[in-house]
C-alpha atoms as a PDB file:
ATOM      1  CA  MET A   1     -39.289 -45.346 -12.131  1.00  0.00           C
ATOM      2  CA  ASP A   2     -37.312 -43.887 -15.042  1.00  0.00           C
ATOM      3  CA  ASP A   3     -38.434 -46.895 -17.855  1.00  0.00           C
ATOM      4  CA  ARG A   4     -35.530 -44.695 -20.396  1.00  0.00           C
ATOM      5  CA  PRO A   5     -32.482 -46.474 -21.613  1.00  0.00           C
ATOM      6  CA  HIS A   6     -29.426 -45.264 -19.440  1.00  0.00           C
ATOM      7  CA  THR A   7     -26.022 -45.231 -21.155  1.00  0.00           C
ATOM      8  CA  ASP A   8     -22.886 -44.396 -19.425  1.00  0.00           C
ATOM      9  CA  TYR A   9     -19.936 -42.556 -20.193  1.00  0.00           C
ATOM     10  CA  VAL A  10     -16.323 -43.073 -19.730  1.00  0.00           C
ATOM     11  CA  TRP A  11     -14.020 -40.385 -20.396  1.00  0.00           C
ATOM     12  CA  HIS A  12     -10.165 -41.183 -20.675  1.00  0.00           C
ATOM     13  CA  PHE A  13      -7.592 -38.440 -20.958  1.00  0.00           C
ATOM     14  CA  LYS A  14      -4.269 -38.584 -21.275  1.00  0.00           C
ATOM     15  CA  LEU A  15      -1.946 -37.553 -18.076  1.00  0.00           C
ATOM     16  CA  THR A  16       2.037 -36.382 -18.730  1.00  0.00           C
ATOM     17  CA  ASP A  17       4.495 -37.110 -16.238  1.00  0.00           C
ATOM     18  CA  PRO A  18       5.394 -33.705 -14.513  1.00  0.00           C
ATOM     19  CA  GLU A  19       9.251 -32.982 -14.576  1.00  0.00           C
ATOM     20  CA  PRO A  20      11.001 -34.456 -12.053  1.00  0.00           C
ATOM     21  CA  ARG A  21      12.340 -32.051  -9.962  1.00  0.00           C
ATOM     22  CA  CYS A  22      13.924 -33.240  -6.584  1.00  0.00           C
ATOM     23  CA  SER A  23      14.885 -30.412  -5.006  1.00  0.00           C
ATOM     24  CA  GLU A  24      11.538 -29.626  -3.483  1.00  0.00           C
ATOM     25  CA  ASP A  25       8.895 -31.591  -2.369  1.00  0.00           C
ATOM     26  CA  PRO A  26       5.411 -31.897  -3.754  1.00  0.00           C
ATOM     27  CA  LEU A  27       3.489 -29.024  -1.407  1.00  0.00           C
ATOM     28  CA  THR A  28       6.190 -26.827  -2.567  1.00  0.00           C
ATOM     29  CA  GLN A  29       6.425 -27.482  -5.914  1.00  0.00           C
ATOM     30  CA  MET A  30       2.295 -26.986  -6.408  1.00  0.00           C
ATOM     31  CA  VAL A  31       2.556 -23.785  -4.768  1.00  0.00           C
ATOM     32  CA  GLU A  32       5.339 -22.354  -6.611  1.00  0.00           C
ATOM     33  CA  GLU A  33       3.612 -23.412  -9.649  1.00  0.00           C
ATOM     34  CA  GLN A  34      -0.007 -21.728  -8.456  1.00  0.00           C
ATOM     35  CA  VAL A  35       1.990 -18.888  -8.068  1.00  0.00           C
ATOM     36  CA  THR A  36       3.684 -18.814 -11.344  1.00  0.00           C
ATOM     37  CA  ALA A  37       0.734 -19.072 -12.595  1.00  0.00           C
ATOM     38  CA  LEU A  38      -0.732 -16.395 -10.994  1.00  0.00           C
ATOM     39  CA  LEU A  39       1.702 -14.003 -12.231  1.00  0.00           C
ATOM     40  CA  HIS A  40       0.825 -14.477 -15.518  1.00  0.00           C
ATOM     41  CA  CYS A  41      -2.246 -13.086 -15.513  1.00  0.00           C
ATOM     42  CA  ILE A  42      -2.757 -10.394 -12.093  1.00  0.00           C
ATOM     43  CA  VAL A  43       0.277  -8.015 -10.757  1.00  0.00           C
ATOM     44  CA  PHE A  44       0.416  -7.785  -6.935  1.00  0.00           C
ATOM     45  CA  THR A  45       0.305  -4.458  -5.278  1.00  0.00           C
ATOM     46  CA  ARG A  46       0.933  -2.941  -1.799  1.00  0.00           C
ATOM     47  CA  ASP A  47      -0.400   0.227  -1.499  1.00  0.00           C
ATOM     48  CA  GLY A  48      -1.507   1.117  -4.738  1.00  0.00           C
ATOM     49  CA  GLU A  49       2.075  -0.035  -5.684  1.00  0.00           C
ATOM     50  CA  ASP A  50       3.055  -2.665  -7.820  1.00  0.00           C
ATOM     51  CA  VAL A  51       4.972  -5.704  -6.401  1.00  0.00           C
ATOM     52  CA  ARG A  52       7.329  -7.409  -7.795  1.00  0.00           C
ATOM     53  CA  VAL A  53       7.364 -11.001  -6.487  1.00  0.00           C
ATOM     54  CA  THR A  54      10.654 -13.140  -6.872  1.00  0.00           C
ATOM     55  CA  GLY A  55      10.039 -15.707  -4.238  1.00  0.00           C
ATOM     56  CA  PHE A  56       7.776 -17.024  -1.033  1.00  0.00           C
ATOM     57  CA  ARG A  57       7.714 -18.557   2.050  1.00  0.00           C
ATOM     58  CA  PHE A  58       5.593 -20.589   3.872  1.00  0.00           C
ATOM     59  CA  LEU A  59       4.515 -19.285   7.004  1.00  0.00           C
ATOM     60  CA  ASP A  60       5.250 -22.314   8.823  1.00  0.00           C
ATOM     61  CA  SER A  61       8.942 -22.001   7.893  1.00  0.00           C
ATOM     62  CA  PRO A  62      10.061 -17.836   7.931  1.00  0.00           C
ATOM     63  CA  GLY A  63      13.789 -18.459   7.166  1.00  0.00           C
ATOM     64  CA  THR A  64      13.470 -20.431   4.104  1.00  0.00           C
ATOM     65  CA  GLU A  65      13.069 -18.834   0.588  1.00  0.00           C
ATOM     66  CA  HIS A  66      11.426 -20.633  -2.390  1.00  0.00           C
ATOM     67  CA  VAL A  67      12.618 -18.312  -5.288  1.00  0.00           C
ATOM     68  CA  LEU A  68      10.499 -18.221  -8.650  1.00  0.00           C
ATOM     69  CA  PRO A  69      11.483 -18.795 -11.800  1.00  0.00           C
ATOM     70  CA  ARG A  70      12.377 -16.159 -14.190  1.00  0.00           C
ATOM     71  CA  THR A  71      10.426 -16.812 -16.859  1.00  0.00           C
ATOM     72  CA  LEU A  72       8.128 -14.605 -14.907  1.00  0.00           C
ATOM     73  CA  PRO A  73       6.454 -11.675 -17.226  1.00  0.00           C
ATOM     74  CA  ASP A  74       8.269  -8.090 -15.854  1.00  0.00           C
ATOM     75  CA  PRO A  75       6.102  -5.281 -14.643  1.00  0.00           C
ATOM     76  CA  ASP A  76       5.267  -2.573 -17.928  1.00  0.00           C
ATOM     77  CA  PRO A  77       7.129   0.596 -16.681  1.00  0.00           C
ATOM     78  CA  GLU A  78       5.069   2.384 -19.059  1.00  0.00           C
ATOM     79  CA  ALA A  79       1.660   1.174 -17.925  1.00  0.00           C
ATOM     80  CA  GLU A  80      -0.531   3.931 -16.153  1.00  0.00           C
ATOM     81  CA  GLN A  81      -1.337   3.670 -12.764  1.00  0.00           C
ATOM     82  CA  PRO A  82      -4.170   4.459 -11.321  1.00  0.00           C
ATOM     83  CA  SER A  83      -4.990   7.446  -9.280  1.00  0.00           C
ATOM     84  CA  ARG A  84      -5.715   7.797  -5.709  1.00  0.00           C
END
C-alpha cells in the first residue's frame, strides 16, 4: 500500500448563465451554438465549392428550418480556390 500522504484537490469554476432564449429548446440552441462555432473556423464545401451555411434542419423534422445568427463570417470571395 502507498504510504505517501494523499492530498485532495477541489477545483471551482464560475459558471455564467446563458442568455435566456425562450423561442428555442435546449437541443436546438446547443446545435446552433456548435454549428456557429464551427463556422468561425472552417468552411463547408460541396464538390470543392464553398457553401454558405445560413441554417440547419433536424433529420426528424425536415419542414422546420432553424436560421443561424447573422454574426457569421463571410467567406472571402477573393480567396484562392484549390485546383482539382
